[in-house]
Amino acid sequence: MASAEAAGVREVTSVAGSAAELLAGLPPSPAVWCSGLHKRYGRQTAVQDVSFTVARGEVLGLLGPNGAGKTSVIKMLLGLVRPDAGEVMLLGRPSSDPRSRSAVGYLPELFRYQPWLTATEVLALHVRLARVQVPEQERRDCLAVVGLSDRAGDRVGGFSKGMQQRLGLAVALVARPELVVLDEPTSALDPIGRVDVRDLVLDLKSRGVAVLLNSHLIGEVERVCDRVVILDKGRVAASGTLAELLGQREVRLRLDGLDARAHDRLRSAGALTRSGDWFTVALASEDDGVTVPDLVRDLVSMGVRVHAVEPVRISLEERLLGILRHEDSAPRDVAAPGAGR
């Protein structure tokens, strides 16, 4: 009997070990997974059928005009607002589970700290609320990262808006989060502060921390984000990597001495437009073997004189305006919520 029991224990242990090995071999769950989010306030629909993911170590930008539903989406992700429909998972757990938010750092768009507290005391309070152990030196380092080390002992009531914003960043980072949600993090910062935030986001990414960034500063989004979700009137208007959203590659060439064969070569590279001696080619995908060096080499071999070659790339701001005005054909399909992109 004892040997049978021992055999049973060995079998259970073996199964548990196999399951652990199987789970260990799976990719980590996304930092954010949401599907079909809906939210109404009275008769007004704020969010309708919003779905997207944020992978571990990914920076995702949330863009859209005022009233597009960006902050409502963020509040639903964090459990601050209950969705009328839809599901949310944070770091592999339902957002209704308090543990799902224990490793999330959040900088809201509008916030205010107790003016009688010092910056050091604000961090100590939030560490206590987060129920984590963060050594005092690490808290001081956090203030140094956001440029407040020399104001650590000053009362928050005397801080400028920009300094308040920096303190908010420190609060979002102090509990060693795996996911950081930043709602307009540079709204009160000067150009130096904006660069600091950009470097901070890139550092978080390098350490495997996921970042969800809501910002009206499109240039900053373009510099730091891996993917973008564009909201308009509560819906996802477009989403994808920057390369996907910015669409086709174009190149302008100043040429002379073209014959019919050279024209055919240009047309074979992509859609062709001409203005005087300038030719603009909307290049096909590099996957199709179309590269600028090959095109220039072929033209030169045909006797064409190449005076200039200039890359043409639409900006994210231009693409955003085109999408919101329904003037373009940018990719609009969101990756399936379970895809983990």
C-alpha atoms as a PDB file:
ATOM      1  CA  MET A   1       0.000   0.000   0.000  1.00  0.00           C
ATOM      2  CA  ALA A   2       2.772   2.366   0.926  1.00  0.00           C
ATOM      3  CA  SER A   3       4.521   1.656  -2.357  1.00  0.00           C
ATOM      4  CA  ALA A   4       1.260   2.347  -4.261  1.00  0.00           C
ATOM      5  CA  GLU A   5       0.895   5.646  -2.458  1.00  0.00           C
ATOM      6  CA  ALA A   6       4.498   6.523  -3.248  1.00  0.00           C
ATOM      7  CA  ALA A   7       3.907   5.656  -6.886  1.00  0.00           C
ATOM      8  CA  GLY A   8       0.839   7.928  -6.886  1.00  0.00           C
ATOM      9  CA  VAL A   9       2.847  10.776  -5.399  1.00  0.00           C
ATOM     10  CA  ARG A  10       5.546  10.265  -8.024  1.00  0.00           C
ATOM     11  CA  GLU A  11       2.888  10.297 -10.766  1.00  0.00           C
ATOM     12  CA  VAL A  12       1.294  13.519  -9.481  1.00  0.00           C
ATOM     13  CA  THR A  13       4.711  15.112  -9.105  1.00  0.00           C
ATOM     14  CA  SER A  14       5.588  14.077 -12.649  1.00  0.00           C
ATOM     15  CA  VAL A  15       2.373  15.570 -14.012  1.00  0.00           C
ATOM     16  CA  ALA A  16       2.927  18.785 -12.064  1.00  0.00           C
ATOM     17  CA  GLY A  17       6.484  18.958 -13.317  1.00  0.00           C
ATOM     18  CA  SER A  18       5.346  18.428 -16.901  1.00  0.00           C
ATOM     19  CA  ALA A  19       2.730  21.170 -16.531  1.00  0.00           C
ATOM     20  CA  ALA A  20       5.317  23.543 -15.083  1.00  0.00           C
ATOM     21  CA  GLU A  21       7.667  22.812 -17.956  1.00  0.00           C
ATOM     22  CA  LEU A  22       4.860  23.380 -20.460  1.00  0.00           C
ATOM     23  CA  LEU A  23       3.903  26.711 -18.886  1.00  0.00           C
ATOM     24  CA  ALA A  24       7.548  27.757 -18.712  1.00  0.00           C
ATOM     25  CA  GLY A  25       7.844  27.192 -22.449  1.00  0.00           C
ATOM     26  CA  LEU A  26       4.878  29.434 -23.279  1.00  0.00           C
ATOM     27  CA  PRO A  27       5.394  33.115 -24.111  1.00  0.00           C
ATOM     28  CA  PRO A  28       4.420  35.510 -21.299  1.00  0.00           C
ATOM     29  CA  SER A  29       0.889  36.828 -21.342  1.00  0.00           C
ATOM     30  CA  PRO A  30       0.472  40.369 -22.715  1.00  0.00           C
ATOM     31  CA  ALA A  31       0.823  43.233 -20.284  1.00  0.00           C
ATOM     32  CA  VAL A  32      -2.573  44.478 -21.520  1.00  0.00           C
ATOM     33  CA  TRP A  33      -5.325  42.509 -23.266  1.00  0.00           C
ATOM     34  CA  CYS A  34      -8.698  44.080 -23.848  1.00  0.00           C
ATOM     35  CA  SER A  35     -11.554  43.003 -26.057  1.00  0.00           C
ATOM     36  CA  GLY A  36     -14.833  44.650 -27.030  1.00  0.00           C
ATOM     37  CA  LEU A  37     -14.779  47.504 -24.520  1.00  0.00           C
ATOM     38  CA  HIS A  38     -17.961  49.583 -24.460  1.00  0.00           C
ATOM     39  CA  LYS A  39     -18.832  52.538 -22.242  1.00  0.00           C
ATOM     40  CA  ARG A  40     -21.762  54.920 -22.214  1.00  0.00           C
ATOM     41  CA  TYR A  41     -22.323  57.992 -20.045  1.00  0.00           C
ATOM     42  CA  GLY A  42     -26.054  58.651 -20.180  1.00  0.00           C
ATOM     43  CA  ARG A  43     -26.961  58.946 -23.853  1.00  0.00           C
ATOM     44  CA  GLN A  44     -23.366  59.522 -24.926  1.00  0.00           C
ATOM     45  CA  THR A  45     -21.317  56.559 -26.160  1.00  0.00           C
ATOM     46  CA  ALA A  46     -17.723  57.225 -25.081  1.00  0.00           C
ATOM     47  CA  VAL A  47     -16.118  53.915 -26.118  1.00  0.00           C
ATOM     48  CA  GLN A  48     -17.415  51.336 -28.570  1.00  0.00           C
ATOM     49  CA  ASP A  49     -15.885  47.945 -29.346  1.00  0.00           C
ATOM     50  CA  VAL A  50     -12.261  48.808 -28.527  1.00  0.00           C
ATOM     51  CA  SER A  51      -9.792  45.916 -28.595  1.00  0.00           C
ATOM     52  CA  PHE A  52      -5.988  45.865 -28.495  1.00  0.00           C
ATOM     53  CA  THR A  53      -2.997  44.386 -26.702  1.00  0.00           C
ATOM     54  CA  VAL A  54       0.264  45.683 -25.270  1.00  0.00           C
ATOM     55  CA  ALA A  55       3.054  43.106 -25.205  1.00  0.00           C
ATOM     56  CA  ARG A  56       5.659  42.879 -22.462  1.00  0.00           C
ATOM     57  CA  GLY A  57       8.446  45.359 -23.136  1.00  0.00           C
ATOM     58  CA  GLU A  58       6.407  47.142 -25.814  1.00  0.00           C
ATOM     59  CA  VAL A  59       5.578  50.835 -26.008  1.00  0.00           C
ATOM     60  CA  LEU A  60       2.105  51.436 -27.428  1.00  0.00           C
ATOM     61  CA  GLY A  61       0.865  54.921 -28.232  1.00  0.00           C
ATOM     62  CA  LEU A  62      -2.793  55.840 -27.845  1.00  0.00           C
ATOM     63  CA  LEU A  63      -3.676  58.696 -30.191  1.00  0.00           C
ATOM     64  CA  GLY A  64      -6.804  60.597 -31.130  1.00  0.00           C
ATOM     65  CA  PRO A  65      -8.510  63.976 -30.812  1.00  0.00           C
ATOM     66  CA  ASN A  66     -10.052  65.325 -27.631  1.00  0.00           C
ATOM     67  CA  GLY A  67     -13.140  63.321 -26.751  1.00  0.00           C
ATOM     68  CA  ALA A  68     -11.993  60.261 -28.686  1.00  0.00           C
ATOM     69  CA  GLY A  69     -12.284  58.042 -25.603  1.00  0.00           C
ATOM     70  CA  LYS A  70      -8.600  57.611 -24.764  1.00  0.00           C
ATOM     71  CA  THR A  71      -8.814  58.441 -21.065  1.00  0.00           C
ATOM     72  CA  SER A  72     -12.029  56.421 -20.696  1.00  0.00           C
ATOM     73  CA  VAL A  73     -10.234  53.403 -22.157  1.00  0.00           C
ATOM     74  CA  ILE A  74      -7.326  53.860 -19.750  1.00  0.00           C
ATOM     75  CA  LYS A  75      -9.673  54.130 -16.766  1.00  0.00           C
ATOM     76  CA  MET A  76     -11.467  50.940 -17.812  1.00  0.00           C
ATOM     77  CA  LEU A  77      -8.149  49.117 -18.159  1.00  0.00           C
ATOM     78  CA  LEU A  78      -7.178  50.147 -14.637  1.00  0.00           C
ATOM     79  CA  GLY A  79     -10.535  49.361 -13.027  1.00  0.00           C
ATOM     80  CA  LEU A  80     -11.265  53.021 -12.268  1.00  0.00           C
ATOM     81  CA  VAL A  81     -14.344  52.881 -14.514  1.00  0.00           C
ATOM     82  CA  ARG A  82     -16.450  49.763 -15.058  1.00  0.00           C
ATOM     83  CA  PRO A  83     -17.054  48.948 -18.737  1.00  0.00           C
ATOM     84  CA  ASP A  84     -20.617  48.297 -19.871  1.00  0.00           C
ATOM     85  CA  ALA A  85     -19.258  45.391 -21.933  1.00  0.00           C
ATOM     86  CA  GLY A  86     -15.919  43.838 -22.767  1.00  0.00           C
ATOM     87  CA  GLU A  87     -13.030  42.150 -21.002  1.00  0.00           C
ATOM     88  CA  VAL A  88      -9.672  43.321 -19.667  1.00  0.00           C
ATOM     89  CA  MET A  89      -6.618  41.339 -18.592  1.00  0.00           C
ATOM     90  CA  LEU A  90      -3.600  42.991 -16.992  1.00  0.00           C
ATOM     91  CA  LEU A  91      -0.363  41.034 -16.702  1.00  0.00           C
ATOM     92  CA  GLY A  92      -2.202  37.749 -17.134  1.00  0.00           C
ATOM     93  CA  ARG A  93      -4.979  38.392 -14.595  1.00  0.00           C
ATOM     94  CA  PRO A  94      -8.511  39.814 -14.907  1.00  0.00           C
ATOM     95  CA  SER A  95      -8.516  43.527 -14.177  1.00  0.00           C
ATOM     96  CA  SER A  96     -11.085  42.868 -11.426  1.00  0.00           C
ATOM     97  CA  ASP A  97      -8.368  41.008  -9.512  1.00  0.00           C
ATOM     98  CA  PRO A  98      -6.539  43.513  -7.254  1.00  0.00           C
ATOM     99  CA  ARG A  99      -3.305  41.597  -7.904  1.00  0.00           C
ATOM    100  CA  SER A 100      -3.527  42.588 -11.574  1.00  0.00           C
ATOM    101  CA  ARG A 101      -2.936  46.211 -10.620  1.00  0.00           C
ATOM    102  CA  SER A 102      -0.250  45.597  -8.023  1.00  0.00           C
ATOM    103  CA  ALA A 103       2.482  45.786 -10.679  1.00  0.00           C
ATOM    104  CA  VAL A 104       1.019  48.721 -12.615  1.00  0.00           C
ATOM    105  CA  GLY A 105       2.358  52.270 -12.403  1.00  0.00           C
ATOM    106  CA  TYR A 106      -0.057  55.029 -13.407  1.00  0.00           C
ATOM    107  CA  LEU A 107       0.359  58.719 -14.144  1.00  0.00           C
ATOM    108  CA  PRO A 108      -3.127  60.228 -14.617  1.00  0.00           C
ATOM    109  CA  GLU A 109      -3.700  63.282 -16.762  1.00  0.00           C
ATOM    110  CA  LEU A 110      -5.069  65.261 -13.814  1.00  0.00           C
ATOM    111  CA  PHE A 111      -3.783  64.674 -10.301  1.00  0.00           C
ATOM    112  CA  ARG A 112      -2.913  66.519  -7.116  1.00  0.00           C
ATOM    113  CA  TYR A 113      -0.790  65.518  -4.147  1.00  0.00           C
ATOM    114  CA  GLN A 114      -1.164  66.689  -0.582  1.00  0.00           C
ATOM    115  CA  PRO A 115       0.554  70.113  -0.598  1.00  0.00           C
ATOM    116  CA  TRP A 116       1.859  69.750   2.962  1.00  0.00           C
ATOM    117  CA  LEU A 117       3.896  66.619   2.107  1.00  0.00           C
ATOM    118  CA  THR A 118       7.438  66.674   0.784  1.00  0.00           C
ATOM    119  CA  ALA A 119       8.376  64.807  -2.388  1.00  0.00           C
ATOM    120  CA  THR A 120      10.071  62.133  -0.265  1.00  0.00           C
ATOM    121  CA  GLU A 121       6.931  61.723   1.848  1.00  0.00           C
ATOM    122  CA  VAL A 122       4.711  61.419  -1.235  1.00  0.00           C
ATOM    123  CA  LEU A 123       6.825  58.520  -2.507  1.00  0.00           C
ATOM    124  CA  ALA A 124       6.848  56.895   0.946  1.00  0.00           C
ATOM    125  CA  LEU A 125       3.050  57.141   1.078  1.00  0.00           C
ATOM    126  CA  HIS A 126       2.600  55.513  -2.337  1.00  0.00           C
ATOM    127  CA  VAL A 127       5.063  52.754  -1.539  1.00  0.00           C
ATOM    128  CA  ARG A 128       3.020  52.024   1.565  1.00  0.00           C
ATOM    129  CA  LEU A 129      -0.243  52.063  -0.419  1.00  0.00           C
ATOM    130  CA  ALA A 130       1.292  49.678  -2.976  1.00  0.00           C
ATOM    131  CA  ARG A 131       2.317  47.325  -0.139  1.00  0.00           C
ATOM    132  CA  VAL A 132       5.803  46.796  -1.508  1.00  0.00           C
ATOM    133  CA  GLN A 133       9.193  47.115   0.120  1.00  0.00           C
ATOM    134  CA  VAL A 134      11.278  49.795  -1.598  1.00  0.00           C
ATOM    135  CA  PRO A 135      14.461  50.864   0.220  1.00  0.00           C
ATOM    136  CA  GLU A 136      14.860  54.550   0.960  1.00  0.00           C
ATOM    137  CA  GLN A 137      17.885  54.805  -1.335  1.00  0.00           C
ATOM    138  CA  GLU A 138      15.882  53.377  -4.213  1.00  0.00           C
ATOM    139  CA  ARG A 139      13.179  55.981  -3.595  1.00  0.00           C
ATOM    140  CA  ARG A 140      15.816  58.715  -3.663  1.00  0.00           C
ATOM    141  CA  ASP A 141      17.149  57.277  -6.904  1.00  0.00           C
ATOM    142  CA  CYS A 142      13.626  57.420  -8.342  1.00  0.00           C
ATOM    143  CA  LEU A 143      13.410  61.136  -7.574  1.00  0.00           C
ATOM    144  CA  ALA A 144      16.835  61.610  -9.157  1.00  0.00           C
ATOM    145  CA  VAL A 145      15.685  59.863 -12.348  1.00  0.00           C
ATOM    146  CA  VAL A 146      12.906  62.444 -12.794  1.00  0.00           C
ATOM    147  CA  GLY A 147      15.149  65.375 -11.880  1.00  0.00           C
ATOM    148  CA  LEU A 148      13.867  66.106  -8.360  1.00  0.00           C
ATOM    149  CA  SER A 149      16.745  64.948  -6.199  1.00  0.00           C
ATOM    150  CA  ASP A 150      17.515  68.514  -5.055  1.00  0.00           C
ATOM    151  CA  ARG A 151      13.854  69.129  -4.153  1.00  0.00           C
ATOM    152  CA  ALA A 152      13.266  65.878  -2.271  1.00  0.00           C
ATOM    153  CA  GLY A 153      12.723  67.644   1.059  1.00  0.00           C
ATOM    154  CA  ASP A 154      10.560  70.479  -0.295  1.00  0.00           C
ATOM    155  CA  ARG A 155       6.814  70.636   0.208  1.00  0.00           C
ATOM    156  CA  VAL A 156       4.788  69.758  -2.867  1.00  0.00           C
ATOM    157  CA  GLY A 157       2.612  72.860  -2.450  1.00  0.00           C
ATOM    158  CA  GLY A 158       5.531  74.965  -3.697  1.00  0.00           C
ATOM    159  CA  PHE A 159       6.141  72.914  -6.832  1.00  0.00           C
ATOM    160  CA  SER A 160       5.488  74.258 -10.318  1.00  0.00           C
ATOM    161  CA  LYS A 161       3.226  72.305 -12.694  1.00  0.00           C
ATOM    162  CA  GLY A 162       6.276  70.832 -14.381  1.00  0.00           C
ATOM    163  CA  MET A 163       7.739  69.696 -11.064  1.00  0.00           C
ATOM    164  CA  GLN A 164       4.382  68.202 -10.080  1.00  0.00           C
ATOM    165  CA  GLN A 165       4.456  66.275 -13.357  1.00  0.00           C
ATOM    166  CA  ARG A 166       7.929  64.962 -12.608  1.00  0.00           C
ATOM    167  CA  LEU A 167       6.798  63.873  -9.147  1.00  0.00           C
ATOM    168  CA  GLY A 168       3.849  62.066 -10.748  1.00  0.00           C
ATOM    169  CA  LEU A 169       6.283  60.155 -12.932  1.00  0.00           C
ATOM    170  CA  ALA A 170       8.300  59.174  -9.862  1.00  0.00           C
ATOM    171  CA  VAL A 171       5.128  57.898  -8.164  1.00  0.00           C
ATOM    172  CA  ALA A 172       4.293  55.818 -11.255  1.00  0.00           C
ATOM    173  CA  LEU A 173       7.750  54.234 -11.220  1.00  0.00           C
ATOM    174  CA  VAL A 174       8.584  53.814  -7.541  1.00  0.00           C
ATOM    175  CA  ALA A 175       6.919  50.423  -6.945  1.00  0.00           C
ATOM    176  CA  ARG A 176       8.920  48.646  -9.709  1.00  0.00           C
ATOM    177  CA  PRO A 177       5.978  48.204 -12.118  1.00  0.00           C
ATOM    178  CA  GLU A 178       5.815  45.722 -14.992  1.00  0.00           C
ATOM    179  CA  LEU A 179       3.329  47.962 -16.819  1.00  0.00           C
ATOM    180  CA  VAL A 180       3.385  51.768 -16.821  1.00  0.00           C
ATOM    181  CA  VAL A 181       0.378  53.781 -18.022  1.00  0.00           C
ATOM    182  CA  LEU A 182       1.169  57.401 -18.816  1.00  0.00           C
ATOM    183  CA  ASP A 183      -1.740  59.742 -19.583  1.00  0.00           C
ATOM    184  CA  GLU A 184      -0.327  62.945 -21.134  1.00  0.00           C
ATOM    185  CA  PRO A 185       3.011  62.674 -19.252  1.00  0.00           C
ATOM    186  CA  THR A 186       4.606  65.714 -20.921  1.00  0.00           C
ATOM    187  CA  SER A 187       1.655  68.128 -20.743  1.00  0.00           C
ATOM    188  CA  ALA A 188       3.325  70.538 -18.291  1.00  0.00           C
ATOM    189  CA  LEU A 189       6.969  69.915 -19.167  1.00  0.00           C
ATOM    190  CA  ASP A 190       9.433  72.117 -21.010  1.00  0.00           C
ATOM    191  CA  PRO A 191      11.441  70.717 -23.974  1.00  0.00           C
ATOM    192  CA  ILE A 192      14.158  69.354 -21.665  1.00  0.00           C
ATOM    193  CA  GLY A 193      11.528  67.617 -19.562  1.00  0.00           C
ATOM    194  CA  ARG A 194       9.999  66.066 -22.674  1.00  0.00           C
ATOM    195  CA  VAL A 195      13.351  64.656 -23.688  1.00  0.00           C
ATOM    196  CA  ASP A 196      13.749  63.279 -20.158  1.00  0.00           C
ATOM    197  CA  VAL A 197      10.392  61.508 -20.441  1.00  0.00           C
ATOM    198  CA  ARG A 198      11.350  60.098 -23.830  1.00  0.00           C
ATOM    199  CA  ASP A 199      14.599  58.701 -22.401  1.00  0.00           C
ATOM    200  CA  LEU A 200      12.691  57.330 -19.422  1.00  0.00           C
ATOM    201  CA  VAL A 201      10.213  55.479 -21.647  1.00  0.00           C
ATOM    202  CA  LEU A 202      13.009  53.994 -23.739  1.00  0.00           C
ATOM    203  CA  ASP A 203      14.800  52.884 -20.566  1.00  0.00           C
ATOM    204  CA  LEU A 204      11.635  51.164 -19.312  1.00  0.00           C
ATOM    205  CA  LYS A 205      11.314  49.384 -22.644  1.00  0.00           C
ATOM    206  CA  SER A 206      14.936  48.209 -22.486  1.00  0.00           C
ATOM    207  CA  ARG A 207      14.172  46.649 -19.084  1.00  0.00           C
ATOM    208  CA  GLY A 208      11.150  44.764 -20.399  1.00  0.00           C
ATOM    209  CA  VAL A 209       8.546  47.074 -18.873  1.00  0.00           C
ATOM    210  CA  ALA A 210       5.447  47.625 -21.015  1.00  0.00           C
ATOM    211  CA  VAL A 211       4.325  51.226 -21.524  1.00  0.00           C
ATOM    212  CA  LEU A 212       0.924  52.529 -22.619  1.00  0.00           C
ATOM    213  CA  LEU A 213       1.382  56.153 -23.630  1.00  0.00           C
ATOM    214  CA  ASN A 214      -1.455  58.608 -24.268  1.00  0.00           C
ATOM    215  CA  SER A 215      -0.096  61.829 -25.694  1.00  0.00           C
ATOM    216  CA  HIS A 216      -1.033  64.665 -28.019  1.00  0.00           C
ATOM    217  CA  LEU A 217       2.653  65.196 -28.848  1.00  0.00           C
ATOM    218  CA  ILE A 218       2.769  63.107 -31.986  1.00  0.00           C
ATOM    219  CA  GLY A 219       6.482  63.653 -32.500  1.00  0.00           C
ATOM    220  CA  GLU A 220       7.223  62.060 -29.146  1.00  0.00           C
ATOM    221  CA  VAL A 221       4.948  59.110 -29.934  1.00  0.00           C
ATOM    222  CA  GLU A 222       6.713  58.611 -33.243  1.00  0.00           C
ATOM    223  CA  ARG A 223      10.095  58.554 -31.512  1.00  0.00           C
ATOM    224  CA  VAL A 224       9.349  56.012 -28.780  1.00  0.00           C
ATOM    225  CA  CYS A 225       6.362  53.842 -29.736  1.00  0.00           C
ATOM    226  CA  ASP A 226       6.505  50.410 -31.335  1.00  0.00           C
ATOM    227  CA  ARG A 227       2.824  50.439 -32.247  1.00  0.00           C
ATOM    228  CA  VAL A 228      -0.009  52.947 -32.292  1.00  0.00           C
ATOM    229  CA  VAL A 229      -3.761  52.694 -31.737  1.00  0.00           C
ATOM    230  CA  ILE A 230      -5.765  55.630 -33.087  1.00  0.00           C
ATOM    231  CA  LEU A 231      -9.166  56.283 -31.532  1.00  0.00           C
ATOM    232  CA  ASP A 232     -11.873  58.423 -33.084  1.00  0.00           C
ATOM    233  CA  LYS A 233     -15.355  58.920 -31.618  1.00  0.00           C
ATOM    234  CA  GLY A 234     -14.819  56.026 -29.243  1.00  0.00           C
ATOM    235  CA  ARG A 235     -13.810  53.520 -31.917  1.00  0.00           C
ATOM    236  CA  VAL A 236     -10.482  52.197 -33.161  1.00  0.00           C
ATOM    237  CA  ALA A 237      -9.915  54.098 -36.412  1.00  0.00           C
ATOM    238  CA  ALA A 238      -6.574  52.437 -37.170  1.00  0.00           C
ATOM    239  CA  SER A 239      -3.809  50.489 -35.474  1.00  0.00           C
ATOM    240  CA  GLY A 240      -0.476  48.916 -36.283  1.00  0.00           C
ATOM    241  CA  THR A 241       3.229  49.490 -36.280  1.00  0.00           C
ATOM    242  CA  LEU A 242       4.504  52.837 -37.475  1.00  0.00           C
ATOM    243  CA  ALA A 243       5.655  51.201 -40.703  1.00  0.00           C
ATOM    244  CA  GLU A 244       2.165  49.814 -41.281  1.00  0.00           C
ATOM    245  CA  LEU A 245       0.416  53.087 -40.500  1.00  0.00           C
ATOM    246  CA  LEU A 246       2.777  55.257 -42.494  1.00  0.00           C
ATOM    247  CA  GLY A 247       2.145  53.073 -45.499  1.00  0.00           C
ATOM    248  CA  GLN A 248       4.123  52.925 -48.699  1.00  0.00           C
ATOM    249  CA  ARG A 249       7.715  53.987 -49.155  1.00  0.00           C
ATOM    250  CA  GLU A 250       8.346  56.713 -51.691  1.00  0.00           C
ATOM    251  CA  VAL A 251      11.483  58.060 -53.321  1.00  0.00           C
ATOM    252  CA  ARG A 252      12.012  61.184 -55.441  1.00  0.00           C
ATOM    253  CA  LEU A 253      14.631  61.163 -58.173  1.00  0.00           C
ATOM    254  CA  ARG A 254      15.855  64.048 -60.347  1.00  0.00           C
ATOM    255  CA  LEU A 255      16.665  62.465 -63.675  1.00  0.00           C
ATOM    256  CA  ASP A 256      17.376  63.276 -67.301  1.00  0.00           C
ATOM    257  CA  GLY A 257      18.195  61.262 -70.373  1.00  0.00           C
ATOM    258  CA  LEU A 258      15.340  58.784 -69.948  1.00  0.00           C
ATOM    259  CA  ASP A 259      14.188  56.630 -72.801  1.00  0.00           C
ATOM    260  CA  ALA A 260      11.208  54.278 -73.018  1.00  0.00           C
ATOM    261  CA  ARG A 261      13.161  51.453 -71.410  1.00  0.00           C
ATOM    262  CA  ALA A 262      14.101  53.629 -68.396  1.00  0.00           C
ATOM    263  CA  HIS A 263      10.492  54.740 -68.012  1.00  0.00           C
ATOM    264  CA  ASP A 264       9.436  51.106 -67.974  1.00  0.00           C
ATOM    265  CA  ARG A 265      12.010  50.378 -65.280  1.00  0.00           C
ATOM    266  CA  LEU A 266      10.675  53.200 -63.107  1.00  0.00           C
ATOM    267  CA  ARG A 267       7.105  51.979 -63.543  1.00  0.00           C
ATOM    268  CA  SER A 268       8.142  48.462 -62.617  1.00  0.00           C
ATOM    269  CA  ALA A 269       9.337  49.758 -59.231  1.00  0.00           C
ATOM    270  CA  GLY A 270       5.948  51.213 -58.287  1.00  0.00           C
ATOM    271  CA  ALA A 271       3.344  53.877 -59.001  1.00  0.00           C
ATOM    272  CA  LEU A 272       5.047  56.749 -60.856  1.00  0.00           C
ATOM    273  CA  THR A 273       4.322  60.504 -60.894  1.00  0.00           C
ATOM    274  CA  ARG A 274       6.337  63.246 -62.586  1.00  0.00           C
ATOM    275  CA  SER A 275       6.891  66.969 -62.093  1.00  0.00           C
ATOM    276  CA  GLY A 276       9.414  68.357 -64.560  1.00  0.00           C
ATOM    277  CA  ASP A 277      12.627  66.380 -64.175  1.00  0.00           C
ATOM    278  CA  TRP A 278      11.554  65.048 -60.747  1.00  0.00           C
ATOM    279  CA  PHE A 279      10.078  61.544 -60.638  1.00  0.00           C
ATOM    280  CA  THR A 280       8.315  60.176 -57.543  1.00  0.00           C
ATOM    281  CA  VAL A 281       8.031  56.406 -57.213  1.00  0.00           C
ATOM    282  CA  ALA A 282       5.744  54.784 -54.638  1.00  0.00           C
ATOM    283  CA  LEU A 283       7.886  51.722 -54.119  1.00  0.00           C
ATOM    284  CA  ALA A 284       6.486  48.262 -53.837  1.00  0.00           C
ATOM    285  CA  SER A 285       7.396  46.213 -50.756  1.00  0.00           C
ATOM    286  CA  GLU A 286      11.021  45.302 -50.171  1.00  0.00           C
ATOM    287  CA  ASP A 287       9.704  41.757 -49.925  1.00  0.00           C
ATOM    288  CA  ASP A 288       9.135  42.017 -53.680  1.00  0.00           C
ATOM    289  CA  GLY A 289      12.811  42.793 -54.191  1.00  0.00           C
ATOM    290  CA  VAL A 290      12.375  46.515 -54.897  1.00  0.00           C
ATOM    291  CA  THR A 291      15.249  48.535 -53.414  1.00  0.00           C
ATOM    292  CA  VAL A 292      16.435  52.057 -54.145  1.00  0.00           C
ATOM    293  CA  PRO A 293      20.105  51.073 -54.787  1.00  0.00           C
ATOM    294  CA  ASP A 294      19.011  48.489 -57.360  1.00  0.00           C
ATOM    295  CA  LEU A 295      16.722  50.992 -59.074  1.00  0.00           C
ATOM    296  CA  VAL A 296      19.445  53.656 -59.289  1.00  0.00           C
ATOM    297  CA  ARG A 297      21.984  51.096 -60.527  1.00  0.00           C
ATOM    298  CA  ASP A 298      19.642  49.962 -63.301  1.00  0.00           C
ATOM    299  CA  LEU A 299      18.863  53.531 -64.388  1.00  0.00           C
ATOM    300  CA  VAL A 300      22.554  54.448 -64.531  1.00  0.00           C
ATOM    301  CA  SER A 301      23.290  51.316 -66.571  1.00  0.00           C
ATOM    302  CA  MET A 302      20.653  52.511 -69.068  1.00  0.00           C
ATOM    303  CA  GLY A 303      22.444  55.824 -69.498  1.00  0.00           C
ATOM    304  CA  VAL A 304      20.149  57.888 -67.271  1.00  0.00           C
ATOM    305  CA  ARG A 305      21.770  60.769 -65.411  1.00  0.00           C
ATOM    306  CA  VAL A 306      20.794  60.689 -61.722  1.00  0.00           C
ATOM    307  CA  HIS A 307      21.175  64.149 -60.164  1.00  0.00           C
ATOM    308  CA  ALA A 308      19.417  63.537 -56.830  1.00  0.00           C
ATOM    309  CA  VAL A 309      17.723  60.802 -54.798  1.00  0.00           C
ATOM    310  CA  GLU A 310      15.486  61.813 -51.879  1.00  0.00           C
ATOM    311  CA  PRO A 311      13.443  59.525 -49.632  1.00  0.00           C
ATOM    312  CA  VAL A 312       9.860  60.623 -49.075  1.00  0.00           C
ATOM    313  CA  ARG A 313       8.048  59.605 -45.935  1.00  0.00           C
ATOM    314  CA  ILE A 314       4.710  60.792 -44.666  1.00  0.00           C
ATOM    315  CA  SER A 315       4.745  61.886 -41.040  1.00  0.00           C
ATOM    316  CA  LEU A 316       2.629  60.291 -38.340  1.00  0.00           C
ATOM    317  CA  GLU A 317       0.828  63.617 -37.914  1.00  0.00           C
ATOM    318  CA  GLU A 318      -0.137  63.674 -41.592  1.00  0.00           C
ATOM    319  CA  ARG A 319      -1.316  60.065 -41.417  1.00  0.00           C
ATOM    320  CA  LEU A 320      -3.289  60.750 -38.240  1.00  0.00           C
ATOM    321  CA  LEU A 321      -5.055  63.727 -39.822  1.00  0.00           C
ATOM    322  CA  GLY A 322      -5.764  61.695 -42.940  1.00  0.00           C
ATOM    323  CA  ILE A 323      -7.292  58.866 -40.917  1.00  0.00           C
ATOM    324  CA  LEU A 324      -9.435  61.185 -38.804  1.00  0.00           C
ATOM    325  CA  ARG A 325     -10.645  63.021 -41.925  1.00  0.00           C
ATOM    326  CA  HIS A 326     -11.184  59.704 -43.727  1.00  0.00           C
ATOM    327  CA  GLU A 327      -8.864  60.800 -46.515  1.00  0.00           C
ATOM    328  CA  ASP A 328      -6.528  57.806 -46.702  1.00  0.00           C
ATOM    329  CA  SER A 329      -6.475  54.048 -46.983  1.00  0.00           C
ATOM    330  CA  ALA A 330      -4.218  53.262 -44.023  1.00  0.00           C
ATOM    331  CA  PRO A 331      -4.504  49.779 -42.492  1.00  0.00           C
ATOM    332  CA  ARG A 332      -7.395  49.843 -40.001  1.00  0.00           C
ATOM    333  CA  ASP A 333      -7.546  46.268 -38.751  1.00  0.00           C
ATOM    334  CA  VAL A 334      -6.620  45.764 -35.126  1.00  0.00           C
ATOM    335  CA  ALA A 335      -4.647  42.644 -34.281  1.00  0.00           C
ATOM    336  CA  ALA A 336      -6.847  40.027 -32.703  1.00  0.00           C
ATOM    337  CA  PRO A 337      -6.774  40.522 -28.908  1.00  0.00           C
ATOM    338  CA  GLY A 338      -5.244  37.129 -28.364  1.00  0.00           C
ATOM    339  CA  ALA A 339      -2.485  37.629 -30.877  1.00  0.00           C
ATOM    340  CA  GLY A 340      -0.107  39.126 -28.327  1.00  0.00           C
ATOM    341  CA  ARG A 341       1.435  41.549 -30.795  1.00  0.00           C
END
